[in-house]
Amino acid sequence: MERTWRPRRPVDVLATLAAHRRGPYDPTFQIDARGRVWRTCRPGGEPATVCVARSAGGEVTATAWGPGAAAALDAVPQWLGSDDELEGFSPQHPVLADAFRRFPGVLIGRTGLVMEALVPAILEQKVTGTEAFRGWMRLLRKFGSPAPGPAPARMRVVPASELWAKIPSWEYHQAGVGPQRARTIVTAGRHVSQLEETASLGTAEADRRLRAVPGIGVWTSAEVRQRVFGDPDAVSVGDYGLPHAVTYAFTGERRGSDELMLELLEPYRGHRHRACVLLLRAGATPPRRGPRAPVRDFRGM
């Protein structure tokens, strides 16, 4: 199935969809040699593969395969920020204003797919990106299903939402997922229906329901709301590097804190996440001055 959509304003397909990519070898997200984005998903619980490309004329063409193809194609405009409103966002700081000018096509999209955003966010709690991406890849390879259609090699579709609660603890262990994160995923999987109902609710109620699950805090909730609801104000408080990046961009200081970050972002309330996305896109991050955090392996514990 194929659909062509003309956005009401320019959209950078790759940059906008990149929020859903979990590492360079994500089995659910790949970019081919022609620059097309391939994604797998389960809209309505049915597997689908979607290939999204932008033409020279500004149109976006999406092609989909699998039982969930029609639902996925219907959702593509929202993935690419068709509902994203810029009203009230007027960056004054020169670094942010320059990023806004340089990257007008970076929008905040929404997927409505709660568990597909929640599980990898939980995997990323308090670990290095390498650890999180490795666990995601191993779980998808074992419990995901083959991508429908002519998808790039080794692409997988995420497991059905209710399956996450049924994965045994030793399988999470073999995937390098620590026991606390594994328990959080299993607990979330036991409350799938209540969590997935949040896709039709406001972001405040979604935040309340998400944080009612043991192991899900303010950071994880924000990471989910950014992707599922396209919330342009959901700041990832508690992130390891974001406070330093925002502080460096606005003040030139290399070290920051959550409190200082929120103070600097306050003039952009309603669009604080958008401001962070643009600053990171512009590369406004402090230079590294120490070793990277070590990559742990829980499988030997």
C-alpha atoms as a PDB file:
ATOM      1  CA  MET A   1       0.000   0.000   0.000  1.00  0.00           C
ATOM      2  CA  GLU A   2       1.209   3.511  -0.736  1.00  0.00           C
ATOM      3  CA  ARG A   3       0.249   6.996   0.293  1.00  0.00           C
ATOM      4  CA  THR A   4       1.520  10.428  -0.749  1.00  0.00           C
ATOM      5  CA  TRP A   5       1.175  13.363   1.604  1.00  0.00           C
ATOM      6  CA  ARG A   6       2.048  17.021   1.130  1.00  0.00           C
ATOM      7  CA  PRO A   7       2.990  18.650   4.451  1.00  0.00           C
ATOM      8  CA  ARG A   8       1.713  22.156   5.139  1.00  0.00           C
ATOM      9  CA  ARG A   9       5.293  23.161   5.957  1.00  0.00           C
ATOM     10  CA  PRO A  10       8.695  21.645   5.118  1.00  0.00           C
ATOM     11  CA  VAL A  11       9.582  18.568   7.144  1.00  0.00           C
ATOM     12  CA  ASP A  12      12.942  16.884   7.565  1.00  0.00           C
ATOM     13  CA  VAL A  13      11.843  13.241   7.432  1.00  0.00           C
ATOM     14  CA  LEU A  14      15.023  11.726   8.817  1.00  0.00           C
ATOM     15  CA  ALA A  15      15.579  14.266  11.602  1.00  0.00           C
ATOM     16  CA  THR A  16      11.953  14.136  12.733  1.00  0.00           C
ATOM     17  CA  LEU A  17      11.759  10.339  12.767  1.00  0.00           C
ATOM     18  CA  ALA A  18      15.208   9.956  14.346  1.00  0.00           C
ATOM     19  CA  ALA A  19      13.627  10.327  17.794  1.00  0.00           C
ATOM     20  CA  HIS A  20      12.374   6.759  17.406  1.00  0.00           C
ATOM     21  CA  ARG A  21      15.743   5.240  16.524  1.00  0.00           C
ATOM     22  CA  ARG A  22      17.384   3.271  19.336  1.00  0.00           C
ATOM     23  CA  GLY A  23      20.999   3.059  18.276  1.00  0.00           C
ATOM     24  CA  PRO A  24      22.661   2.511  14.895  1.00  0.00           C
ATOM     25  CA  TYR A  25      21.555  -1.132  14.659  1.00  0.00           C
ATOM     26  CA  ASP A  26      17.969  -0.742  15.834  1.00  0.00           C
ATOM     27  CA  PRO A  27      16.001  -3.691  14.345  1.00  0.00           C
ATOM     28  CA  THR A  28      12.907  -1.459  14.056  1.00  0.00           C
ATOM     29  CA  PHE A  29      14.545   1.530  12.316  1.00  0.00           C
ATOM     30  CA  GLN A  30      16.971   1.602   9.392  1.00  0.00           C
ATOM     31  CA  ILE A  31      18.072   4.056   6.707  1.00  0.00           C
ATOM     32  CA  ASP A  32      18.881   2.645   3.292  1.00  0.00           C
ATOM     33  CA  ALA A  33      21.463   3.832   0.747  1.00  0.00           C
ATOM     34  CA  ARG A  34      18.861   6.099  -0.882  1.00  0.00           C
ATOM     35  CA  GLY A  35      18.171   7.919   2.380  1.00  0.00           C
ATOM     36  CA  ARG A  36      14.755   6.359   2.891  1.00  0.00           C
ATOM     37  CA  VAL A  37      13.614   5.611   6.439  1.00  0.00           C
ATOM     38  CA  TRP A  38      12.333   2.109   7.167  1.00  0.00           C
ATOM     39  CA  ARG A  39      10.305   1.562  10.327  1.00  0.00           C
ATOM     40  CA  THR A  40       8.429  -1.383  11.769  1.00  0.00           C
ATOM     41  CA  CYS A  41       5.544  -1.004  14.197  1.00  0.00           C
ATOM     42  CA  ARG A  42       2.302  -2.535  15.473  1.00  0.00           C
ATOM     43  CA  PRO A  43      -0.518  -0.024  14.975  1.00  0.00           C
ATOM     44  CA  GLY A  44      -3.650  -1.571  16.420  1.00  0.00           C
ATOM     45  CA  GLY A  45      -1.564  -4.592  17.382  1.00  0.00           C
ATOM     46  CA  GLU A  46      -0.926  -5.641  13.768  1.00  0.00           C
ATOM     47  CA  PRO A  47       2.634  -5.783  12.369  1.00  0.00           C
ATOM     48  CA  ALA A  48       3.679  -3.429   9.584  1.00  0.00           C
ATOM     49  CA  THR A  49       6.776  -2.229   7.768  1.00  0.00           C
ATOM     50  CA  VAL A  50       6.789   1.356   6.484  1.00  0.00           C
ATOM     51  CA  CYS A  51       9.227   3.021   4.097  1.00  0.00           C
ATOM     52  CA  VAL A  52       9.126   6.832   4.184  1.00  0.00           C
ATOM     53  CA  ALA A  53      10.824   9.103   1.647  1.00  0.00           C
ATOM     54  CA  ARG A  54      10.574  12.755   0.694  1.00  0.00           C
ATOM     55  CA  SER A  55      10.511  13.744  -2.960  1.00  0.00           C
ATOM     56  CA  ALA A  56      12.218  16.725  -4.532  1.00  0.00           C
ATOM     57  CA  GLY A  57       8.834  18.464  -4.749  1.00  0.00           C
ATOM     58  CA  GLY A  58       8.351  18.382  -0.994  1.00  0.00           C
ATOM     59  CA  GLU A  59       5.831  15.544  -0.941  1.00  0.00           C
ATOM     60  CA  VAL A  60       6.267  12.582   1.378  1.00  0.00           C
ATOM     61  CA  THR A  61       5.669   9.103   0.003  1.00  0.00           C
ATOM     62  CA  ALA A  62       5.084   6.222   2.389  1.00  0.00           C
ATOM     63  CA  THR A  63       4.831   2.575   1.343  1.00  0.00           C
ATOM     64  CA  ALA A  64       3.714  -0.097   3.791  1.00  0.00           C
ATOM     65  CA  TRP A  65       3.440  -3.880   3.997  1.00  0.00           C
ATOM     66  CA  GLY A  66       1.782  -6.253   6.444  1.00  0.00           C
ATOM     67  CA  PRO A  67      -1.576  -6.543   8.234  1.00  0.00           C
ATOM     68  CA  GLY A  68      -1.076  -3.161   9.921  1.00  0.00           C
ATOM     69  CA  ALA A  69      -0.124  -1.348   6.698  1.00  0.00           C
ATOM     70  CA  ALA A  70      -3.307   0.737   6.337  1.00  0.00           C
ATOM     71  CA  ALA A  71      -3.221   1.934   9.953  1.00  0.00           C
ATOM     72  CA  ALA A  72       0.488   2.748   9.690  1.00  0.00           C
ATOM     73  CA  LEU A  73      -0.003   4.814   6.541  1.00  0.00           C
ATOM     74  CA  ASP A  74      -2.810   6.737   8.209  1.00  0.00           C
ATOM     75  CA  ALA A  75      -0.427   7.576  11.054  1.00  0.00           C
ATOM     76  CA  VAL A  76       2.554   8.723   8.951  1.00  0.00           C
ATOM     77  CA  PRO A  77       1.534  12.421   8.832  1.00  0.00           C
ATOM     78  CA  GLN A  78       1.335  12.471  12.635  1.00  0.00           C
ATOM     79  CA  TRP A  79       4.709  10.736  12.858  1.00  0.00           C
ATOM     80  CA  LEU A  80       6.072  13.637  10.831  1.00  0.00           C
ATOM     81  CA  GLY A  81       4.528  16.412  12.905  1.00  0.00           C
ATOM     82  CA  SER A  82       1.288  17.196  11.091  1.00  0.00           C
ATOM     83  CA  ASP A  83      -0.232  18.071  14.487  1.00  0.00           C
ATOM     84  CA  ASP A  84       2.818  19.975  15.707  1.00  0.00           C
ATOM     85  CA  GLU A  85       2.036  23.622  16.426  1.00  0.00           C
ATOM     86  CA  LEU A  86       4.771  26.246  16.685  1.00  0.00           C
ATOM     87  CA  GLU A  87       2.510  28.957  18.069  1.00  0.00           C
ATOM     88  CA  GLY A  88       4.120  30.670  21.034  1.00  0.00           C
ATOM     89  CA  PHE A  89       7.638  29.529  20.225  1.00  0.00           C
ATOM     90  CA  SER A  90       9.804  32.585  19.642  1.00  0.00           C
ATOM     91  CA  PRO A  91      13.446  31.852  20.492  1.00  0.00           C
ATOM     92  CA  GLN A  92      15.392  34.886  21.645  1.00  0.00           C
ATOM     93  CA  HIS A  93      18.731  33.391  22.628  1.00  0.00           C
ATOM     94  CA  PRO A  94      21.052  33.614  19.591  1.00  0.00           C
ATOM     95  CA  VAL A  95      22.107  29.930  19.728  1.00  0.00           C
ATOM     96  CA  LEU A  96      18.521  28.692  19.836  1.00  0.00           C
ATOM     97  CA  ALA A  97      17.317  31.254  17.304  1.00  0.00           C
ATOM     98  CA  ASP A  98      20.068  30.166  14.906  1.00  0.00           C
ATOM     99  CA  ALA A  99      19.153  26.483  15.361  1.00  0.00           C
ATOM    100  CA  PHE A 100      15.480  27.282  14.712  1.00  0.00           C
ATOM    101  CA  ARG A 101      16.449  29.098  11.521  1.00  0.00           C
ATOM    102  CA  ARG A 102      18.805  26.350  10.306  1.00  0.00           C
ATOM    103  CA  PHE A 103      16.504  23.408  11.028  1.00  0.00           C
ATOM    104  CA  PRO A 104      12.943  24.475  10.215  1.00  0.00           C
ATOM    105  CA  GLY A 105      11.989  20.936   9.205  1.00  0.00           C
ATOM    106  CA  VAL A 106      12.709  19.334  12.602  1.00  0.00           C
ATOM    107  CA  LEU A 107       9.230  18.791  14.031  1.00  0.00           C
ATOM    108  CA  ILE A 108       7.803  16.926  17.031  1.00  0.00           C
ATOM    109  CA  GLY A 109       5.806  13.957  15.786  1.00  0.00           C
ATOM    110  CA  ARG A 110       3.494  11.593  17.625  1.00  0.00           C
ATOM    111  CA  THR A 111       2.959   7.846  17.187  1.00  0.00           C
ATOM    112  CA  GLY A 112       0.272   6.878  19.702  1.00  0.00           C
ATOM    113  CA  LEU A 113       2.229   3.629  20.299  1.00  0.00           C
ATOM    114  CA  VAL A 114       2.797   3.547  24.038  1.00  0.00           C
ATOM    115  CA  MET A 115       4.605   0.259  24.667  1.00  0.00           C
ATOM    116  CA  GLU A 116       6.823   0.728  21.609  1.00  0.00           C
ATOM    117  CA  ALA A 117       8.190   3.902  23.222  1.00  0.00           C
ATOM    118  CA  LEU A 118       7.995   2.779  26.850  1.00  0.00           C
ATOM    119  CA  VAL A 119      10.043  -0.438  26.710  1.00  0.00           C
ATOM    120  CA  PRO A 120      13.170   1.087  25.111  1.00  0.00           C
ATOM    121  CA  ALA A 121      12.884   4.089  27.436  1.00  0.00           C
ATOM    122  CA  ILE A 122      12.950   1.729  30.424  1.00  0.00           C
ATOM    123  CA  LEU A 123      15.946  -0.074  28.920  1.00  0.00           C
ATOM    124  CA  GLU A 124      17.765   3.280  28.777  1.00  0.00           C
ATOM    125  CA  GLN A 125      17.276   4.049  32.482  1.00  0.00           C
ATOM    126  CA  LYS A 126      20.598   4.786  34.233  1.00  0.00           C
ATOM    127  CA  VAL A 127      22.789   2.862  31.794  1.00  0.00           C
ATOM    128  CA  THR A 128      24.991   3.745  28.842  1.00  0.00           C
ATOM    129  CA  GLY A 129      23.428   3.957  25.407  1.00  0.00           C
ATOM    130  CA  THR A 130      25.479   0.954  24.326  1.00  0.00           C
ATOM    131  CA  GLU A 131      23.965  -1.215  27.091  1.00  0.00           C
ATOM    132  CA  ALA A 132      20.417  -0.082  26.320  1.00  0.00           C
ATOM    133  CA  PHE A 133      20.723  -0.505  22.550  1.00  0.00           C
ATOM    134  CA  ARG A 134      22.293  -3.938  22.964  1.00  0.00           C
ATOM    135  CA  GLY A 135      19.449  -5.130  25.186  1.00  0.00           C
ATOM    136  CA  TRP A 136      16.817  -3.768  22.795  1.00  0.00           C
ATOM    137  CA  MET A 137      18.447  -5.471  19.838  1.00  0.00           C
ATOM    138  CA  ARG A 138      18.765  -8.847  21.589  1.00  0.00           C
ATOM    139  CA  LEU A 139      15.177  -8.827  22.850  1.00  0.00           C
ATOM    140  CA  LEU A 140      13.845  -7.901  19.414  1.00  0.00           C
ATOM    141  CA  ARG A 141      15.895 -10.591  17.679  1.00  0.00           C
ATOM    142  CA  LYS A 142      14.499 -13.278  19.991  1.00  0.00           C
ATOM    143  CA  PHE A 143      10.937 -12.144  20.658  1.00  0.00           C
ATOM    144  CA  GLY A 144      10.167  -9.841  17.744  1.00  0.00           C
ATOM    145  CA  SER A 145       8.722 -11.083  14.471  1.00  0.00           C
ATOM    146  CA  PRO A 146      10.207 -10.751  10.960  1.00  0.00           C
ATOM    147  CA  ALA A 147       9.421  -7.470   9.238  1.00  0.00           C
ATOM    148  CA  PRO A 148       6.769  -7.806   6.518  1.00  0.00           C
ATOM    149  CA  GLY A 149       7.654  -6.896   2.951  1.00  0.00           C
ATOM    150  CA  PRO A 150      11.053  -6.140   1.399  1.00  0.00           C
ATOM    151  CA  ALA A 151      12.536  -4.576   4.532  1.00  0.00           C
ATOM    152  CA  PRO A 152      16.307  -4.324   4.998  1.00  0.00           C
ATOM    153  CA  ALA A 153      17.956  -7.433   6.406  1.00  0.00           C
ATOM    154  CA  ARG A 154      17.491  -8.281  10.094  1.00  0.00           C
ATOM    155  CA  MET A 155      14.635  -5.849  10.682  1.00  0.00           C
ATOM    156  CA  ARG A 156      12.113  -7.025  13.279  1.00  0.00           C
ATOM    157  CA  VAL A 157       8.694  -5.963  14.521  1.00  0.00           C
ATOM    158  CA  VAL A 158       8.323  -5.336  18.252  1.00  0.00           C
ATOM    159  CA  PRO A 159       6.515  -8.065  20.194  1.00  0.00           C
ATOM    160  CA  ALA A 160       2.809  -7.656  20.846  1.00  0.00           C
ATOM    161  CA  SER A 161       2.322  -5.400  23.875  1.00  0.00           C
ATOM    162  CA  GLU A 162       1.050  -8.141  26.172  1.00  0.00           C
ATOM    163  CA  LEU A 163       4.070 -10.359  25.441  1.00  0.00           C
ATOM    164  CA  TRP A 164       6.511  -8.175  27.381  1.00  0.00           C
ATOM    165  CA  ALA A 165       5.046  -9.375  30.705  1.00  0.00           C
ATOM    166  CA  LYS A 166       5.467 -13.014  29.668  1.00  0.00           C
ATOM    167  CA  ILE A 167       9.179 -12.910  28.858  1.00  0.00           C
ATOM    168  CA  PRO A 168      10.975 -14.899  31.615  1.00  0.00           C
ATOM    169  CA  SER A 169      13.425 -13.108  33.868  1.00  0.00           C
ATOM    170  CA  TRP A 170      16.365 -15.178  32.579  1.00  0.00           C
ATOM    171  CA  GLU A 171      15.692 -13.982  29.040  1.00  0.00           C
ATOM    172  CA  TYR A 172      16.027 -10.377  30.151  1.00  0.00           C
ATOM    173  CA  HIS A 173      19.197 -11.400  31.983  1.00  0.00           C
ATOM    174  CA  GLN A 174      20.612 -13.005  28.821  1.00  0.00           C
ATOM    175  CA  ALA A 175      19.834  -9.795  26.945  1.00  0.00           C
ATOM    176  CA  GLY A 176      21.964  -7.860  29.440  1.00  0.00           C
ATOM    177  CA  VAL A 177      18.980  -6.158  31.106  1.00  0.00           C
ATOM    178  CA  GLY A 178      19.399  -5.638  34.838  1.00  0.00           C
ATOM    179  CA  PRO A 179      16.742  -6.975  37.228  1.00  0.00           C
ATOM    180  CA  GLN A 180      15.246  -3.597  38.146  1.00  0.00           C
ATOM    181  CA  ARG A 181      14.635  -2.603  34.521  1.00  0.00           C
ATOM    182  CA  ALA A 182      13.317  -6.086  33.730  1.00  0.00           C
ATOM    183  CA  ARG A 183      10.819  -5.862  36.614  1.00  0.00           C
ATOM    184  CA  THR A 184       9.654  -2.463  35.406  1.00  0.00           C
ATOM    185  CA  ILE A 185       9.011  -3.776  31.877  1.00  0.00           C
ATOM    186  CA  VAL A 186       7.128  -6.807  33.197  1.00  0.00           C
ATOM    187  CA  THR A 187       5.037  -4.630  35.510  1.00  0.00           C
ATOM    188  CA  ALA A 188       4.226  -2.249  32.666  1.00  0.00           C
ATOM    189  CA  GLY A 189       3.300  -5.242  30.508  1.00  0.00           C
ATOM    190  CA  ARG A 190       0.767  -6.312  33.144  1.00  0.00           C
ATOM    191  CA  HIS A 191      -0.932  -2.908  32.846  1.00  0.00           C
ATOM    192  CA  VAL A 192      -0.897  -2.679  29.058  1.00  0.00           C
ATOM    193  CA  SER A 193      -4.555  -1.782  28.625  1.00  0.00           C
ATOM    194  CA  GLN A 194      -4.436   1.084  31.138  1.00  0.00           C
ATOM    195  CA  LEU A 195      -1.196   2.426  29.699  1.00  0.00           C
ATOM    196  CA  GLU A 196      -2.274   2.228  26.077  1.00  0.00           C
ATOM    197  CA  GLU A 197      -5.482   4.077  26.937  1.00  0.00           C
ATOM    198  CA  THR A 198      -3.288   7.094  27.627  1.00  0.00           C
ATOM    199  CA  ALA A 199      -2.718   7.518  23.879  1.00  0.00           C
ATOM    200  CA  SER A 200      -6.202   9.054  23.670  1.00  0.00           C
ATOM    201  CA  LEU A 201      -5.839  11.157  26.842  1.00  0.00           C
ATOM    202  CA  GLY A 202      -4.066  14.399  27.584  1.00  0.00           C
ATOM    203  CA  THR A 203      -0.370  14.427  28.343  1.00  0.00           C
ATOM    204  CA  ALA A 204      -0.949  15.333  32.019  1.00  0.00           C
ATOM    205  CA  GLU A 205      -3.136  12.264  32.611  1.00  0.00           C
ATOM    206  CA  ALA A 206      -0.669  10.142  30.649  1.00  0.00           C
ATOM    207  CA  ASP A 207       2.118  11.369  32.932  1.00  0.00           C
ATOM    208  CA  ARG A 208       0.078  10.440  36.015  1.00  0.00           C
ATOM    209  CA  ARG A 209      -0.689   6.930  34.783  1.00  0.00           C
ATOM    210  CA  LEU A 210       2.830   6.246  33.605  1.00  0.00           C
ATOM    211  CA  ARG A 211       4.401   7.365  36.885  1.00  0.00           C
ATOM    212  CA  ALA A 212       1.939   5.230  38.844  1.00  0.00           C
ATOM    213  CA  VAL A 213       3.852   2.173  37.559  1.00  0.00           C
ATOM    214  CA  PRO A 214       6.727   1.279  39.945  1.00  0.00           C
ATOM    215  CA  GLY A 215      10.040   2.003  38.231  1.00  0.00           C
ATOM    216  CA  ILE A 216       8.700   4.722  35.920  1.00  0.00           C
ATOM    217  CA  GLY A 217       9.706   8.210  36.960  1.00  0.00           C
ATOM    218  CA  VAL A 218       9.753  11.700  35.537  1.00  0.00           C
ATOM    219  CA  TRP A 219      12.517  10.988  32.987  1.00  0.00           C
ATOM    220  CA  THR A 220      10.901   7.869  31.518  1.00  0.00           C
ATOM    221  CA  SER A 221       7.482   9.507  31.399  1.00  0.00           C
ATOM    222  CA  ALA A 222       8.888  12.493  29.510  1.00  0.00           C
ATOM    223  CA  GLU A 223      10.731  10.269  27.024  1.00  0.00           C
ATOM    224  CA  VAL A 224       7.467   8.432  26.295  1.00  0.00           C
ATOM    225  CA  ARG A 225       5.280  11.531  26.053  1.00  0.00           C
ATOM    226  CA  GLN A 226       7.709  13.159  23.637  1.00  0.00           C
ATOM    227  CA  ARG A 227       7.296  10.294  21.170  1.00  0.00           C
ATOM    228  CA  VAL A 228       3.779   9.003  21.782  1.00  0.00           C
ATOM    229  CA  PHE A 229       1.982  12.343  22.224  1.00  0.00           C
ATOM    230  CA  GLY A 230       4.363  14.683  20.446  1.00  0.00           C
ATOM    231  CA  ASP A 231       4.551  16.747  23.641  1.00  0.00           C
ATOM    232  CA  PRO A 232       6.788  19.739  22.810  1.00  0.00           C
ATOM    233  CA  ASP A 233       7.149  20.640  26.495  1.00  0.00           C
ATOM    234  CA  ALA A 234       8.110  17.257  28.025  1.00  0.00           C
ATOM    235  CA  VAL A 235      11.607  17.898  29.382  1.00  0.00           C
ATOM    236  CA  SER A 236      13.731  14.834  30.191  1.00  0.00           C
ATOM    237  CA  VAL A 237      14.554  15.861  33.750  1.00  0.00           C
ATOM    238  CA  GLY A 238      17.106  13.445  35.193  1.00  0.00           C
ATOM    239  CA  ASP A 239      18.974  12.917  31.934  1.00  0.00           C
ATOM    240  CA  TYR A 240      22.727  12.422  32.239  1.00  0.00           C
ATOM    241  CA  GLY A 241      23.853  14.810  29.516  1.00  0.00           C
ATOM    242  CA  LEU A 242      20.920  17.109  28.694  1.00  0.00           C
ATOM    243  CA  PRO A 243      21.390  19.625  31.552  1.00  0.00           C
ATOM    244  CA  HIS A 244      25.023  20.117  30.575  1.00  0.00           C
ATOM    245  CA  ALA A 245      24.123  20.578  26.900  1.00  0.00           C
ATOM    246  CA  VAL A 246      21.415  23.153  27.611  1.00  0.00           C
ATOM    247  CA  THR A 247      23.603  25.014  30.103  1.00  0.00           C
ATOM    248  CA  TYR A 248      26.529  25.079  27.678  1.00  0.00           C
ATOM    249  CA  ALA A 249      24.367  26.317  24.805  1.00  0.00           C
ATOM    250  CA  PHE A 250      22.843  29.151  26.823  1.00  0.00           C
ATOM    251  CA  THR A 251      25.735  30.182  29.085  1.00  0.00           C
ATOM    252  CA  GLY A 252      28.940  28.605  27.797  1.00  0.00           C
ATOM    253  CA  GLU A 253      29.438  26.801  31.112  1.00  0.00           C
ATOM    254  CA  ARG A 254      30.344  23.115  30.742  1.00  0.00           C
ATOM    255  CA  ARG A 255      28.484  21.807  33.784  1.00  0.00           C
ATOM    256  CA  GLY A 256      24.796  22.192  34.521  1.00  0.00           C
ATOM    257  CA  SER A 257      22.009  20.743  36.640  1.00  0.00           C
ATOM    258  CA  ASP A 258      18.346  19.948  36.224  1.00  0.00           C
ATOM    259  CA  GLU A 259      17.421  23.026  38.248  1.00  0.00           C
ATOM    260  CA  LEU A 260      19.561  25.334  36.117  1.00  0.00           C
ATOM    261  CA  MET A 261      18.336  23.711  32.906  1.00  0.00           C
ATOM    262  CA  LEU A 262      14.685  24.290  33.857  1.00  0.00           C
ATOM    263  CA  GLU A 263      15.470  27.888  34.787  1.00  0.00           C
ATOM    264  CA  LEU A 264      17.118  28.525  31.417  1.00  0.00           C
ATOM    265  CA  LEU A 265      14.246  26.848  29.552  1.00  0.00           C
ATOM    266  CA  GLU A 266      11.480  28.647  31.464  1.00  0.00           C
ATOM    267  CA  PRO A 267      11.054  31.398  28.802  1.00  0.00           C
ATOM    268  CA  TYR A 268      10.143  28.621  26.369  1.00  0.00           C
ATOM    269  CA  ARG A 269       7.541  26.887  28.562  1.00  0.00           C
ATOM    270  CA  GLY A 270       5.171  25.022  26.284  1.00  0.00           C
ATOM    271  CA  HIS A 271       8.080  24.274  23.925  1.00  0.00           C
ATOM    272  CA  ARG A 272      10.896  23.284  26.272  1.00  0.00           C
ATOM    273  CA  HIS A 273      11.419  19.877  24.674  1.00  0.00           C
ATOM    274  CA  ARG A 274      11.452  21.516  21.244  1.00  0.00           C
ATOM    275  CA  ALA A 275      14.178  23.869  22.432  1.00  0.00           C
ATOM    276  CA  CYS A 276      16.244  20.911  23.641  1.00  0.00           C
ATOM    277  CA  VAL A 277      15.799  19.061  20.334  1.00  0.00           C
ATOM    278  CA  LEU A 278      16.979  22.084  18.357  1.00  0.00           C
ATOM    279  CA  LEU A 279      19.985  22.705  20.599  1.00  0.00           C
ATOM    280  CA  LEU A 280      21.092  19.077  20.313  1.00  0.00           C
ATOM    281  CA  ARG A 281      20.490  19.124  16.564  1.00  0.00           C
ATOM    282  CA  ALA A 282      22.733  22.180  16.299  1.00  0.00           C
ATOM    283  CA  GLY A 283      25.497  20.343  18.159  1.00  0.00           C
ATOM    284  CA  ALA A 284      25.502  22.749  21.096  1.00  0.00           C
ATOM    285  CA  THR A 285      27.077  20.286  23.517  1.00  0.00           C
ATOM    286  CA  PRO A 286      30.111  20.784  25.769  1.00  0.00           C
ATOM    287  CA  PRO A 287      33.384  19.094  24.795  1.00  0.00           C
ATOM    288  CA  ARG A 288      34.119  15.827  26.550  1.00  0.00           C
ATOM    289  CA  ARG A 289      36.735  16.126  29.272  1.00  0.00           C
ATOM    290  CA  GLY A 290      36.738  12.656  30.835  1.00  0.00           C
ATOM    291  CA  PRO A 291      36.440   8.971  30.018  1.00  0.00           C
ATOM    292  CA  ARG A 292      33.166   7.506  28.884  1.00  0.00           C
ATOM    293  CA  ALA A 293      31.108   5.588  31.418  1.00  0.00           C
ATOM    294  CA  PRO A 294      32.001   1.874  31.424  1.00  0.00           C
ATOM    295  CA  VAL A 295      29.684  -0.552  29.611  1.00  0.00           C
ATOM    296  CA  ARG A 296      28.484  -3.192  32.075  1.00  0.00           C
ATOM    297  CA  ASP A 297      27.366  -6.721  31.308  1.00  0.00           C
ATOM    298  CA  PHE A 298      24.793  -8.161  33.721  1.00  0.00           C
ATOM    299  CA  ARG A 299      24.931 -11.623  32.180  1.00  0.00           C
ATOM    300  CA  GLY A 300      27.893 -12.663  34.305  1.00  0.00           C
ATOM    301  CA  MET A 301      26.213 -11.577  37.543  1.00  0.00           C
END
